[in-house]
Structure formats: structure tokens, C-alpha cells
N, C-alpha and C. Protein backbone atom coordinates (compact mmCIF):
# COMPACT_ATOMS: atom_id res chain seq x y z
N UNK A 1 34.90 -43.70 16.18
CA UNK A 1 33.99 -42.79 16.82
C UNK A 1 34.35 -41.36 16.49
N UNK A 2 33.37 -40.61 16.18
CA UNK A 2 33.55 -39.22 15.85
C UNK A 2 32.86 -38.38 16.94
N UNK A 3 33.68 -37.55 17.65
CA UNK A 3 33.12 -36.78 18.75
C UNK A 3 32.84 -35.33 18.35
N UNK A 4 32.91 -35.00 17.08
CA UNK A 4 32.65 -33.62 16.65
C UNK A 4 31.17 -33.31 16.69
N UNK A 5 30.89 -32.16 17.09
CA UNK A 5 29.51 -31.68 17.06
C UNK A 5 29.24 -31.20 15.66
N UNK A 6 28.06 -31.24 15.22
CA UNK A 6 27.75 -30.89 13.83
C UNK A 6 28.13 -29.46 13.49
N UNK A 7 27.89 -28.48 14.33
CA UNK A 7 28.20 -27.09 13.97
C UNK A 7 29.62 -26.69 14.35
N UNK A 8 30.36 -27.56 14.99
CA UNK A 8 31.73 -27.25 15.38
C UNK A 8 32.62 -27.11 14.14
N UNK A 9 32.44 -27.89 13.13
CA UNK A 9 33.24 -27.79 11.93
C UNK A 9 32.99 -26.47 11.21
N UNK A 10 31.76 -25.98 11.30
CA UNK A 10 31.45 -24.68 10.69
C UNK A 10 32.17 -23.57 11.45
N UNK A 11 32.23 -23.68 12.76
CA UNK A 11 32.93 -22.68 13.58
C UNK A 11 34.42 -22.71 13.27
N UNK A 12 34.98 -23.86 13.08
CA UNK A 12 36.40 -23.98 12.77
C UNK A 12 36.67 -23.39 11.40
N UNK A 13 35.78 -23.67 10.41
CA UNK A 13 35.95 -23.10 9.07
C UNK A 13 35.87 -21.57 9.12
N UNK A 14 34.95 -21.03 9.89
CA UNK A 14 34.80 -19.59 10.03
C UNK A 14 36.06 -18.99 10.68
N UNK A 15 36.54 -19.68 11.71
CA UNK A 15 37.76 -19.22 12.39
C UNK A 15 38.95 -19.23 11.44
N UNK A 16 39.09 -20.28 10.63
CA UNK A 16 40.19 -20.37 9.66
C UNK A 16 40.09 -19.25 8.63
N UNK A 17 38.88 -18.92 8.15
CA UNK A 17 38.72 -17.82 7.20
C UNK A 17 39.14 -16.49 7.84
N UNK A 18 38.72 -16.25 9.04
CA UNK A 18 39.09 -15.00 9.74
C UNK A 18 40.59 -14.93 9.96
N UNK A 19 41.16 -16.06 10.31
CA UNK A 19 42.60 -16.12 10.52
C UNK A 19 43.34 -15.84 9.23
N UNK A 20 42.90 -16.43 8.11
CA UNK A 20 43.55 -16.19 6.81
C UNK A 20 43.43 -14.72 6.43
N UNK A 21 42.29 -14.11 6.68
CA UNK A 21 42.12 -12.69 6.36
C UNK A 21 43.04 -11.84 7.21
N UNK A 22 43.17 -12.19 8.49
CA UNK A 22 44.02 -11.41 9.39
C UNK A 22 45.49 -11.57 9.01
N UNK A 23 45.88 -12.77 8.53
CA UNK A 23 47.27 -13.03 8.21
C UNK A 23 47.63 -12.64 6.77
N UNK A 24 46.64 -12.24 6.01
CA UNK A 24 46.87 -11.89 4.62
C UNK A 24 47.76 -10.65 4.53
N UNK A 25 48.71 -10.69 3.64
CA UNK A 25 49.65 -9.57 3.48
C UNK A 25 48.94 -8.45 2.73
N UNK A 26 48.99 -7.27 3.34
CA UNK A 26 48.39 -6.08 2.72
C UNK A 26 49.44 -4.98 2.69
N UNK A 27 49.41 -4.15 1.69
CA UNK A 27 50.39 -3.06 1.64
C UNK A 27 50.11 -2.04 2.76
N UNK A 28 51.20 -1.45 3.26
CA UNK A 28 51.07 -0.44 4.32
C UNK A 28 50.46 0.83 3.74
N UNK A 29 49.73 1.56 4.57
CA UNK A 29 49.18 2.83 4.08
C UNK A 29 50.32 3.76 3.69
N UNK A 30 50.12 4.61 2.68
CA UNK A 30 51.21 5.47 2.21
C UNK A 30 51.76 6.40 3.28
N UNK A 31 50.96 6.82 4.23
CA UNK A 31 51.43 7.79 5.25
C UNK A 31 52.02 7.11 6.47
N UNK A 32 52.08 5.79 6.51
CA UNK A 32 52.55 5.09 7.69
C UNK A 32 53.99 5.43 8.04
N UNK A 33 54.88 5.40 7.07
CA UNK A 33 56.28 5.69 7.33
C UNK A 33 56.46 7.12 7.84
N UNK A 34 55.74 8.06 7.23
CA UNK A 34 55.84 9.45 7.66
C UNK A 34 55.36 9.60 9.10
N UNK A 35 54.25 8.96 9.45
CA UNK A 35 53.72 9.05 10.82
C UNK A 35 54.67 8.42 11.83
N UNK A 36 55.24 7.28 11.49
CA UNK A 36 56.19 6.62 12.38
C UNK A 36 57.40 7.49 12.60
N UNK A 37 57.96 8.05 11.52
CA UNK A 37 59.15 8.91 11.64
C UNK A 37 58.82 10.18 12.43
N UNK A 38 57.61 10.70 12.24
CA UNK A 38 57.22 11.91 12.98
C UNK A 38 57.09 11.58 14.47
N UNK A 39 56.47 10.46 14.80
CA UNK A 39 56.35 10.07 16.22
C UNK A 39 57.73 9.83 16.83
N UNK A 40 58.61 9.23 16.07
CA UNK A 40 59.97 8.99 16.55
C UNK A 40 60.67 10.31 16.83
N UNK A 41 60.48 11.25 15.91
CA UNK A 41 61.11 12.57 16.07
C UNK A 41 60.55 13.29 17.31
N UNK A 42 59.24 13.19 17.49
CA UNK A 42 58.60 13.84 18.64
C UNK A 42 59.12 13.23 19.93
N UNK A 43 59.19 11.89 19.99
CA UNK A 43 59.70 11.23 21.21
C UNK A 43 61.15 11.59 21.47
N UNK A 44 61.97 11.64 20.42
CA UNK A 44 63.37 11.99 20.61
C UNK A 44 63.48 13.44 21.12
N UNK A 45 62.69 14.34 20.54
CA UNK A 45 62.72 15.73 20.98
C UNK A 45 62.30 15.85 22.43
N UNK A 46 61.24 15.12 22.80
CA UNK A 46 60.79 15.14 24.20
C UNK A 46 61.88 14.60 25.13
N UNK A 47 62.53 13.52 24.71
CA UNK A 47 63.60 12.93 25.53
C UNK A 47 64.75 13.91 25.71
N UNK A 48 65.15 14.55 24.61
CA UNK A 48 66.24 15.52 24.68
C UNK A 48 65.84 16.69 25.58
N UNK A 49 64.61 17.13 25.44
CA UNK A 49 64.12 18.23 26.27
C UNK A 49 64.13 17.83 27.76
N UNK A 50 63.68 16.61 28.03
CA UNK A 50 63.66 16.11 29.42
C UNK A 50 65.08 16.05 29.98
N UNK A 51 66.03 15.50 29.21
CA UNK A 51 67.42 15.46 29.69
C UNK A 51 67.98 16.86 29.91
N UNK A 52 67.66 17.76 28.98
CA UNK A 52 68.15 19.13 29.14
C UNK A 52 67.60 19.78 30.40
N UNK A 53 66.31 19.58 30.65
CA UNK A 53 65.70 20.16 31.85
C UNK A 53 66.35 19.59 33.10
N UNK A 54 66.60 18.26 33.13
CA UNK A 54 67.22 17.65 34.30
C UNK A 54 68.65 18.18 34.50
N UNK A 55 69.40 18.31 33.40
CA UNK A 55 70.76 18.84 33.54
C UNK A 55 70.74 20.28 34.02
N UNK A 56 69.77 21.08 33.55
CA UNK A 56 69.65 22.45 34.01
C UNK A 56 69.31 22.49 35.49
N UNK A 57 68.41 21.63 35.90
CA UNK A 57 68.05 21.59 37.33
C UNK A 57 69.26 21.17 38.18
N UNK A 58 70.01 20.19 37.68
CA UNK A 58 71.20 19.75 38.42
C UNK A 58 72.22 20.89 38.51
N UNK A 59 72.44 21.59 37.40
CA UNK A 59 73.38 22.70 37.39
C UNK A 59 72.93 23.81 38.34
N UNK A 60 71.63 24.12 38.31
CA UNK A 60 71.10 25.16 39.20
C UNK A 60 71.25 24.75 40.66
N UNK A 61 71.00 23.48 40.95
CA UNK A 61 71.14 22.98 42.33
C UNK A 61 72.59 23.09 42.81
N UNK A 62 73.50 22.70 41.92
CA UNK A 62 74.94 22.81 42.29
C UNK A 62 75.35 24.26 42.48
N UNK A 63 74.83 25.14 41.63
CA UNK A 63 75.14 26.57 41.76
C UNK A 63 74.62 27.12 43.09
N UNK A 64 73.38 26.76 43.41
CA UNK A 64 72.79 27.24 44.67
C UNK A 64 73.57 26.69 45.87
N UNK A 65 73.93 25.39 45.78
CA UNK A 65 74.70 24.80 46.88
C UNK A 65 76.06 25.50 47.01
N UNK A 66 76.68 25.83 45.88
CA UNK A 66 77.96 26.54 45.91
C UNK A 66 77.83 27.92 46.51
N UNK A 67 76.78 28.63 46.13
CA UNK A 67 76.57 29.98 46.68
C UNK A 67 76.32 29.91 48.19
N UNK A 68 75.48 28.97 48.59
CA UNK A 68 75.20 28.84 50.03
C UNK A 68 76.46 28.44 50.80
N UNK A 69 77.20 27.47 50.26
CA UNK A 69 78.45 27.06 50.90
C UNK A 69 79.47 28.18 50.94
N UNK A 70 79.58 28.93 49.83
CA UNK A 70 80.52 30.07 49.80
C UNK A 70 80.12 31.14 50.80
N UNK A 71 78.81 31.42 50.89
CA UNK A 71 78.33 32.41 51.84
C UNK A 71 78.61 31.99 53.28
N UNK A 72 78.39 30.72 53.55
CA UNK A 72 78.66 30.19 54.89
C UNK A 72 80.14 30.30 55.22
N UNK A 73 80.98 29.93 54.27
CA UNK A 73 82.44 30.01 54.49
C UNK A 73 82.87 31.45 54.67
N UNK A 74 82.33 32.36 53.84
CA UNK A 74 82.67 33.78 53.97
C UNK A 74 82.27 34.29 55.34
N UNK A 75 81.07 33.90 55.80
CA UNK A 75 80.62 34.37 57.11
C UNK A 75 81.54 33.86 58.21
N UNK A 76 81.94 32.60 58.14
CA UNK A 76 82.86 32.06 59.16
C UNK A 76 84.18 32.79 59.12
N UNK A 77 84.71 33.06 57.94
CA UNK A 77 86.00 33.76 57.84
C UNK A 77 85.87 35.19 58.37
N UNK A 78 84.72 35.84 58.08
CA UNK A 78 84.50 37.22 58.56
C UNK A 78 84.42 37.22 60.10
N UNK A 79 83.71 36.25 60.65
CA UNK A 79 83.62 36.18 62.13
C UNK A 79 84.99 35.89 62.73
N UNK A 80 85.76 35.01 62.08
CA UNK A 80 87.11 34.70 62.59
C UNK A 80 87.99 35.96 62.53
N UNK A 81 87.90 36.71 61.42
CA UNK A 81 88.69 37.94 61.29
C UNK A 81 88.31 38.95 62.36
N UNK A 82 87.00 39.11 62.59
CA UNK A 82 86.54 40.03 63.63
C UNK A 82 87.00 39.56 65.00
N UNK A 83 86.97 38.25 65.23
CA UNK A 83 87.45 37.71 66.49
C UNK A 83 88.93 37.95 66.69
N UNK A 84 89.73 37.82 65.63
CA UNK A 84 91.17 38.10 65.70
C UNK A 84 91.42 39.58 65.99
N UNK A 85 90.63 40.45 65.34
CA UNK A 85 90.77 41.89 65.61
C UNK A 85 90.44 42.20 67.05
N UNK A 86 89.35 41.60 67.57
CA UNK A 86 88.97 41.83 68.97
C UNK A 86 90.05 41.31 69.90
N UNK A 87 90.63 40.16 69.58
CA UNK A 87 91.71 39.58 70.38
C UNK A 87 92.90 40.53 70.41
N UNK A 88 93.28 41.07 69.25
CA UNK A 88 94.41 42.01 69.21
C UNK A 88 94.13 43.26 70.03
N UNK A 89 92.86 43.74 69.97
CA UNK A 89 92.51 44.93 70.74
C UNK A 89 92.59 44.64 72.25
N UNK A 90 92.14 43.46 72.65
CA UNK A 90 92.21 43.09 74.06
C UNK A 90 93.67 42.97 74.50
N UNK A 91 94.50 42.34 73.66
CA UNK A 91 95.93 42.21 74.00
C UNK A 91 96.59 43.58 74.10
N UNK A 92 96.24 44.49 73.17
CA UNK A 92 96.80 45.85 73.22
C UNK A 92 96.35 46.56 74.50
N UNK A 93 95.05 46.41 74.83
CA UNK A 93 94.54 47.05 76.06
C UNK A 93 95.22 46.47 77.30
N UNK A 94 95.44 45.15 77.31
CA UNK A 94 96.14 44.54 78.47
C UNK A 94 97.59 45.02 78.55
N UNK A 95 98.27 45.18 77.43
CA UNK A 95 99.65 45.69 77.46
C UNK A 95 99.71 47.11 78.00
N UNK A 96 98.76 47.93 77.55
CA UNK A 96 98.71 49.32 78.05
C UNK A 96 98.43 49.31 79.54
N UNK A 97 97.46 48.51 79.95
CA UNK A 97 97.12 48.42 81.38
C UNK A 97 98.32 47.92 82.18
N UNK A 98 99.04 46.93 81.64
CA UNK A 98 100.22 46.38 82.31
C UNK A 98 101.29 47.46 82.46
N UNK A 99 101.49 48.26 81.41
CA UNK A 99 102.51 49.33 81.50
C UNK A 99 102.10 50.38 82.53
N UNK A 100 100.82 50.74 82.54
CA UNK A 100 100.33 51.73 83.50
C UNK A 100 100.48 51.19 84.92
N UNK A 101 100.14 49.93 85.14
CA UNK A 101 100.27 49.35 86.47
C UNK A 101 101.74 49.25 86.89
N UNK A 102 102.62 48.89 85.95
CA UNK A 102 104.05 48.87 86.27
C UNK A 102 104.55 50.26 86.66
N UNK A 103 104.12 51.29 85.90
CA UNK A 103 104.52 52.66 86.25
C UNK A 103 103.98 53.04 87.61
N UNK A 104 102.73 52.67 87.89
CA UNK A 104 102.13 53.00 89.18
C UNK A 104 102.86 52.27 90.30
N UNK A 105 103.18 50.98 90.12
CA UNK A 105 103.93 50.23 91.14
C UNK A 105 105.30 50.82 91.37
N UNK A 106 105.95 51.24 90.25
CA UNK A 106 107.28 51.84 90.39
C UNK A 106 107.17 53.16 91.19
N UNK A 107 106.15 53.97 90.90
CA UNK A 107 105.99 55.24 91.63
C UNK A 107 105.68 54.97 93.10
N UNK A 108 104.83 53.99 93.36
CA UNK A 108 104.53 53.66 94.76
C UNK A 108 105.75 53.13 95.48
N UNK A 109 106.54 52.32 94.78
CA UNK A 109 107.76 51.78 95.40
C UNK A 109 108.74 52.93 95.67
N UNK A 110 108.86 53.87 94.73
CA UNK A 110 109.74 55.03 94.94
C UNK A 110 109.24 55.86 96.12
N UNK A 111 107.95 56.06 96.22
CA UNK A 111 107.40 56.85 97.32
C UNK A 111 107.61 56.15 98.66
N UNK A 112 107.43 54.82 98.68
CA UNK A 112 107.66 54.05 99.90
C UNK A 112 109.11 54.14 100.32
N UNK A 113 110.02 54.08 99.33
CA UNK A 113 111.44 54.20 99.65
C UNK A 113 111.78 55.60 100.18
N UNK A 114 111.13 56.58 99.59
CA UNK A 114 111.40 57.95 100.01
C UNK A 114 110.86 58.19 101.42
N UNK A 115 109.78 57.61 101.75
CA UNK A 115 109.18 57.78 103.07
C UNK A 115 109.95 56.97 104.12
N UNK A 116 110.53 55.88 103.74
CA UNK A 116 111.23 55.06 104.72
C UNK A 116 112.62 55.64 105.04
N UNK A 117 113.11 56.56 104.31
CA UNK A 117 114.41 57.12 104.60
C UNK A 117 114.37 58.15 105.61
């Protein structure tokens, strides 16, 4: 029994001819190698440019972070220094006040002793 349709063999023959034509070896166009190398060069240049831009962005980000961190640290140190200066001024003022009060207490004690005699 043959189950082929009458025009099916013609379709298969047409398909085989198209397939042979598609698979037939043909020489490459003369400019193909130049175009491929040019595209490769363009892609490589774009890739290098992209990497360079990312590294520049990373470096700029690190620089900005360093400047901000340094500024913050400087501000804290400046506030600490000002706080230490204020502390020293308060201690000096308290020492002076203590000496004045001691002198005043001594004078009052002397006066009380003089009055009690």
C-alpha cells in the first residue's frame, strides 16, 4: 500500500532543491571579514568605554564618601576641641571663684575672731 498523495512527492522534491541551494557552499563576500573585524572593534571599544565610565563613577563615589566622612570627622574633632576649651575655661573660672571665696571666708573668719576678742 502506498499512502503518498500525488503532489506530495513534488513538494518533497521542491523542498530538497531548496535545501540543497541553502546548503550549497558559496564564497564569503569580500568585505565580510572587514565588517566583522570592524564590529568587533566597535564592541570592544564600547565595552572598554563602559568599564572606564563605571570605574570613574566608582572612584568619584569613593572620593565623595571620603570627603563627606573627612568633613564629618573634622567637625566632630572641632566640636570636641571647642568643648575641651570651654571645659578648661569653666575649670579656670571655678578655681578663681574658689580662691576668692577662700579669701572671703578667711577675711570673715579673721573679722569674727577680732570681734569675739
